[in-house]
Protein backbone atom coordinates (compact mmCIF):
# COMPACT_ATOMS: atom_id res chain seq x y z
CA MET A 1 125.51 95.07 99.79
CA ASP A 2 127.33 91.94 101.00
CA ASN A 3 125.82 88.60 100.17
CA LEU A 4 123.53 87.65 103.13
CA LYS A 5 121.35 84.81 104.24
CA ILE A 6 117.84 86.16 104.19
CA LEU A 7 114.68 84.36 105.27
CA ILE A 8 111.48 85.70 103.74
CA THR A 9 108.13 84.72 105.32
CA GLY A 10 105.13 84.53 102.99
CA GLY A 11 107.74 83.68 100.28
CA THR A 12 105.13 82.03 97.94
CA GLY A 13 102.71 84.98 98.24
CA PHE A 14 102.42 87.85 95.74
CA VAL A 15 104.73 90.25 97.45
CA GLY A 16 106.98 87.63 99.09
CA SER A 17 107.65 85.84 95.81
CA HIS A 18 108.81 89.10 94.19
CA ILE A 19 111.13 89.76 97.18
CA VAL A 20 112.54 86.22 96.90
CA ALA A 21 113.20 86.68 93.18
CA ALA A 22 114.91 90.13 93.76
CA ALA A 23 117.06 88.70 96.64
CA GLN A 24 118.10 85.74 94.59
CA ALA A 25 118.99 87.98 91.61
CA ALA A 26 121.10 90.04 93.95
CA GLY A 27 123.12 86.93 94.91
CA HIS A 28 121.81 86.43 98.43
CA ASP A 29 121.31 83.04 100.10
CA VAL A 30 117.53 82.92 100.30
CA VAL A 31 115.18 80.85 102.42
CA SER A 32 111.49 81.07 101.41
CA LEU A 33 109.09 80.18 104.28
CA SER A 34 105.42 79.60 103.70
CA ARG A 35 102.50 77.56 105.08
CA GLY A 36 102.25 75.44 101.92
CA GLN A 37 103.03 75.25 98.22
CA VAL A 38 106.68 74.49 99.01
CA GLY A 39 108.05 71.73 96.70
CA GLN A 40 109.50 73.69 93.76
CA SER A 41 107.89 77.00 94.64
CA HIS A 42 111.24 78.72 93.96
CA LEU A 43 113.99 77.05 91.96
CA TYR A 44 117.33 76.06 93.48
CA PRO A 45 119.36 77.53 95.16
CA VAL A 46 116.38 79.05 97.05
CA ALA A 47 115.53 76.88 100.09
CA ASN A 48 111.74 76.29 100.37
CA VAL A 49 110.55 75.65 103.88
CA ALA A 50 106.97 74.77 104.95
CA ILE A 51 106.30 76.25 108.45
CA ASP A 52 103.06 77.75 109.75
CA LEU A 53 104.03 80.71 111.90
CA VAL A 54 100.89 80.11 114.06
CA HIS A 55 102.29 76.77 114.97
CA PRO A 56 106.02 77.36 114.42
CA ALA A 57 107.63 73.94 115.00
CA GLU A 58 111.21 73.94 113.63
CA LEU A 59 111.24 77.67 113.08
CA GLU A 60 114.48 78.23 115.04
CA GLN A 61 116.13 75.59 112.90
CA ALA A 62 115.05 77.50 109.78
CA LEU A 63 116.40 80.72 111.18
CA GLU A 64 119.89 79.21 111.88
CA SER A 65 122.66 81.46 110.46
CA VAL A 66 120.11 83.86 108.99
CA ASP A 67 121.36 87.49 108.82
CA ALA A 68 117.98 89.19 108.19
CA VAL A 69 114.29 88.33 108.10
CA VAL A 70 111.73 89.86 105.80
CA HIS A 71 108.34 89.36 107.28
CA ALA A 72 105.93 89.55 104.35
CA ALA A 73 103.46 86.85 105.51
CA GLY A 74 99.83 87.84 106.12
CA VAL A 75 96.35 87.29 104.93
CA MET A 76 94.02 89.56 103.05
CA ARG A 77 90.83 87.75 104.13
CA GLU A 78 89.80 85.63 107.03
CA ASP A 79 88.51 82.15 106.80
CA ASP A 80 87.74 79.23 109.11
CA ASN A 81 91.40 78.37 109.47
CA GLN A 82 92.98 81.80 109.70
CA SER A 83 92.02 85.09 111.36
CA PHE A 84 93.82 88.41 111.13
CA GLU A 85 94.61 88.12 114.83
CA ARG A 86 96.32 84.78 114.38
CA ALA A 87 97.96 85.52 111.04
CA HIS A 88 99.25 88.97 111.85
CA VAL A 89 99.64 89.31 115.67
CA GLY A 90 100.18 85.72 116.85
CA ALA A 91 102.37 84.78 113.99
CA THR A 92 104.53 87.85 114.36
CA ALA A 93 104.93 87.27 118.08
CA ASN A 94 106.05 83.70 117.33
CA LEU A 95 108.52 84.88 114.72
CA ILE A 96 110.02 87.51 116.97
CA ASP A 97 110.45 84.95 119.81
CA ALA A 98 112.40 82.72 117.47
CA CYS A 99 114.46 85.61 116.01
CA LEU A 100 115.53 86.64 119.51
CA LYS A 101 116.59 83.11 120.41
CA VAL A 102 118.86 82.74 117.37
CA ARG A 103 119.87 86.44 117.41
CA VAL A 104 118.80 87.54 113.96
CA GLY A 105 120.52 90.77 113.00
CA LYS A 106 117.55 92.65 111.50
CA ILE A 107 113.86 92.26 110.63
CA ILE A 108 111.98 94.08 107.86
CA PHE A 109 108.20 94.03 108.31
CA ILE A 110 105.69 94.64 105.44
CA SER A 111 102.75 96.40 107.13
CA ALA A 112 100.04 98.50 105.42
CA LEU A 113 99.35 102.18 104.78
CA GLY A 114 96.78 103.26 107.31
CA ALA A 115 97.79 100.80 110.04
CA ARG A 116 96.89 102.18 113.43
CA ILE A 117 95.67 100.90 116.86
CA ASP A 118 92.30 102.54 116.66
CA SER A 119 91.42 101.47 113.05
CA GLN A 120 87.91 100.03 112.58
CA ILE A 121 89.32 97.77 109.89
CA PRO A 122 90.65 94.49 111.45
CA TYR A 123 93.30 94.04 108.80
CA LEU A 124 94.90 97.51 109.52
CA ARG A 125 94.40 97.21 113.32
CA THR A 126 96.27 93.87 113.47
CA LYS A 127 98.96 95.10 111.18
CA TRP A 128 99.62 97.91 113.67
CA GLN A 129 99.69 95.37 116.52
CA ALA A 130 102.24 93.38 114.60
CA GLU A 131 104.29 96.58 114.06
CA ASP A 132 104.21 97.13 117.79
CA ILE A 133 105.62 93.67 118.44
CA VAL A 134 108.42 94.20 115.87
CA GLY A 135 109.21 97.64 117.16
CA SER A 136 109.43 96.73 120.80
CA SER A 137 111.47 93.53 120.21
CA GLY A 138 114.92 95.07 120.54
CA ILE A 139 115.92 93.65 117.19
CA PRO A 140 117.00 96.30 114.59
CA PHE A 141 114.03 96.84 112.30
CA THR A 142 112.57 98.69 109.34
CA ILE A 143 108.86 98.83 108.77
CA PHE A 144 107.25 99.53 105.40
CA ARG A 145 103.62 100.70 105.03
CA PRO A 146 102.67 100.31 101.40
CA SER A 147 99.47 101.42 99.71
CA LEU A 148 97.79 99.13 97.18
CA ILE A 149 100.66 97.01 95.69
CA PHE A 150 100.39 96.13 92.02
CA GLY A 151 102.41 93.86 89.70
CA GLN A 152 102.12 90.61 87.83
CA ASN A 153 100.06 88.01 89.70
CA ASP A 154 98.64 90.53 92.06
CA ARG A 155 95.00 90.19 93.30
CA LEU A 156 93.23 93.31 92.01
CA VAL A 157 94.72 94.47 88.73
CA SER A 158 95.25 90.94 87.36
CA HIS A 159 91.63 90.19 88.06
CA LEU A 160 90.59 93.36 86.30
CA VAL A 161 92.67 92.52 83.24
CA SER A 162 90.99 89.09 82.97
CA LEU A 163 87.58 90.50 83.55
CA LEU A 164 87.99 93.15 80.89
CA ARG A 165 89.04 90.48 78.39
CA TYR A 166 85.79 88.53 78.67
CA SER A 167 83.06 90.72 80.26
CA PRO A 168 81.19 93.65 78.80
CA LEU A 169 80.71 95.08 82.25
CA VAL A 170 83.08 95.81 85.12
CA PRO A 171 81.68 96.48 88.60
CA VAL A 172 82.98 99.52 90.46
CA PHE A 173 82.84 99.43 94.24
CA GLY A 174 83.40 101.90 97.03
CA PRO A 175 82.74 105.57 97.63
CA ASP A 176 83.57 108.05 94.83
CA GLY A 177 86.14 110.11 96.73
CA ALA A 178 88.30 107.42 98.22
CA GLN A 179 91.73 107.13 96.72
CA VAL A 180 94.74 104.79 97.03
CA GLN A 181 98.28 105.25 95.82
CA PRO A 182 99.21 102.17 93.83
CA VAL A 183 102.88 101.23 94.31
CA TRP A 184 104.76 98.81 92.02
CA VAL A 185 105.87 95.59 93.68
CA GLY A 186 109.35 96.02 92.19
CA ASP A 187 109.75 99.22 94.12
CA VAL A 188 108.64 97.48 97.33
CA ALA A 189 111.14 94.69 96.79
CA THR A 190 113.97 97.18 96.07
CA ALA A 191 113.18 99.20 99.20
CA VAL A 192 113.15 95.99 101.28
CA LEU A 193 116.50 94.71 100.11
CA ARG A 194 118.24 98.12 100.28
CA SER A 195 117.01 98.57 103.86
CA ILE A 196 118.58 95.40 105.10
CA ASP A 197 122.14 96.80 105.49
CA ASP A 198 121.18 100.45 105.51
CA ARG A 199 121.71 101.28 109.19
CA SER A 200 120.08 104.69 108.68
CA SER A 201 116.76 102.93 108.14
CA ASP A 202 116.97 101.11 111.45
CA GLY A 203 114.06 101.89 113.80
CA ARG A 204 112.21 103.77 111.04
CA THR A 205 108.82 103.44 109.35
CA PHE A 206 108.50 104.30 105.66
CA GLN A 207 105.30 104.86 103.75
CA LEU A 208 105.29 103.46 100.23
CA GLY A 209 103.03 104.93 97.54
CA GLY A 210 103.33 105.31 93.77
CA PRO A 211 103.44 108.64 91.96
CA THR A 212 99.62 108.88 91.43
CA ALA A 213 96.69 108.78 93.80
CA MET A 214 93.69 107.03 92.17
CA SER A 215 90.14 105.95 92.99
CA PHE A 216 89.03 102.42 92.22
CA GLU A 217 87.06 103.80 89.25
CA GLN A 218 90.17 105.58 87.90
CA ILE A 219 92.09 102.28 88.27
CA VAL A 220 89.45 100.44 86.25
CA GLU A 221 89.39 103.14 83.60
CA THR A 222 93.23 103.05 83.35
CA VAL A 223 93.30 99.30 82.85
CA ARG A 224 90.38 99.48 80.40
CA LYS A 225 92.06 102.06 78.17
CA SER A 226 95.40 100.21 78.18
CA SER A 227 93.73 96.94 77.24
CA GLY A 228 91.63 98.47 74.49
CA SER A 229 88.52 97.00 76.07
CA ARG A 230 85.07 98.39 75.27
CA ALA A 231 83.64 97.15 78.55
CA LEU A 232 81.53 99.55 80.50
CA SER A 233 82.26 100.32 84.17
CA VAL A 234 79.14 100.17 86.27
CA ARG A 235 79.02 101.50 89.84
CA VAL A 236 77.54 98.93 92.27
CA PRO A 237 75.12 100.59 94.69
CA SER A 238 76.06 100.12 98.34
CA PHE A 239 72.85 98.29 99.15
CA ILE A 240 73.67 95.44 96.84
CA THR A 241 77.45 95.36 97.42
CA GLY A 242 77.06 92.82 100.23
CA PRO A 243 75.07 90.27 98.26
CA PHE A 244 77.37 90.85 95.24
CA LEU A 245 80.50 90.04 97.28
CA LYS A 246 78.72 87.04 98.93
CA LEU A 247 77.92 85.62 95.40
CA GLY A 248 81.63 86.05 94.50
CA LYS A 249 82.73 83.98 97.50
CA GLN A 250 80.28 81.19 96.39
CA LEU A 251 81.45 81.24 92.76
CA PHE A 252 85.21 81.59 93.18
CA ASP A 253 87.79 79.92 95.49
CA ASP A 254 89.76 83.18 95.16
CA PRO A 255 87.11 85.84 94.66
CA PRO A 256 88.16 89.04 92.72
CA MET A 257 86.91 91.24 95.54
CA THR A 258 86.33 90.56 99.18
CA ASP A 259 84.71 92.47 102.11
CA GLU A 260 88.27 93.18 103.48
CA GLN A 261 89.49 94.54 100.16
CA LEU A 262 86.45 96.68 99.78
CA SER A 263 86.99 98.06 103.25
CA LEU A 264 90.51 98.97 102.41
CA LEU A 265 89.54 100.66 99.18
CA ALA A 266 86.78 102.58 100.88
CA ALA A 267 89.18 103.72 103.57
CA GLY A 268 91.65 104.92 100.97
CA GLY A 269 95.16 105.93 101.78
CA THR A 270 97.66 108.28 100.27
CA CYS A 271 101.10 109.40 101.36
CA ASP A 272 104.16 111.43 100.34
CA PRO A 273 106.26 108.97 98.34
CA ASP A 274 109.42 111.08 98.34
CA PRO A 275 111.10 110.09 101.62
CA ALA A 276 111.18 106.41 100.71
CA ALA A 277 112.08 107.09 97.14
CA VAL A 278 115.04 109.25 98.13
CA ALA A 279 116.19 106.93 100.91
CA PHE A 280 116.18 103.79 98.75
CA GLY A 281 116.57 105.13 95.20
CA LEU A 282 113.14 103.87 94.08
CA ARG A 283 111.84 104.12 90.50
CA MET A 284 108.29 104.81 91.64
CA ARG A 285 106.86 103.20 88.61
CA SER A 286 103.22 104.10 87.86
CA LEU A 287 100.35 101.70 87.20
CA ASP A 288 99.91 103.22 83.70
CA ASP A 289 103.52 102.47 82.83
CA SER A 290 103.31 98.88 83.99
CA LEU A 291 100.17 97.64 82.30
CA LEU A 292 102.02 96.22 79.27
CA ASP A 293 103.38 93.62 81.72
CA TYR A 294 99.90 92.40 82.43
CA LEU A 295 98.80 92.54 78.79
CA SER A 296 101.63 90.52 77.32
CA PRO A 297 100.78 87.06 75.86
CA THR A 298 102.56 85.34 78.72
CA SER A 299 100.75 87.23 81.50
């Protein structure tokens, strides 16, 4: 791959920051765009730009001379300042408008496994709407639909590791049968970067899932065994799940589980990982093989 200028939205988020690091390591000229936390979010020579895609002043200037855009910005929960509609649909429309004006060569969009127009889950429905905006833009594109993404500094597994270190009990949410297919963030970043100049990926949507489908209870048990914890997993009955999550919102600025995350876990989502693995030469690292990264003294 030739060295390119790549702008990555959501560049300070969990997935975006891993893509930034991978792009920088590959020798690309990287622009990290985010709503906040700019400063020294990424070390030079990464350019850190503070722009809110919902109110995108100076976005065209940031996109000047950019070869490709990786659109990894999004929200996992709504608050008073940000809704799924604004963060996924409105922001994507604004980004596409600016990309068309400066003639960006390609856009890669990070969607979600299970995204569809008739989804009852707002997160998934608005991801599909954003896909539609990207796909109908006329700009060459590749869309990725990952299952639950794990890796250092993720939201779910990192919280579980911390909880298992200090708590004798770990709550288990969601229905027994629902499964997700955890995919390593390194595989996601690799697929994204390799798709940029892979013309065979243009106009295509790839599902991203790891090698193993797992329920939330199985994820908890896998983390517990690897950490050597003696904590007990306790299933939370559905009738007290709401009050439990509400308490978490009151106790934590960044709660370990939200209504939206629970909805996604309950909906589940599995896929055939082989097409993307073959197309982009992915490792498809399993959660079990990755837990030493979380358990190291520096994690």
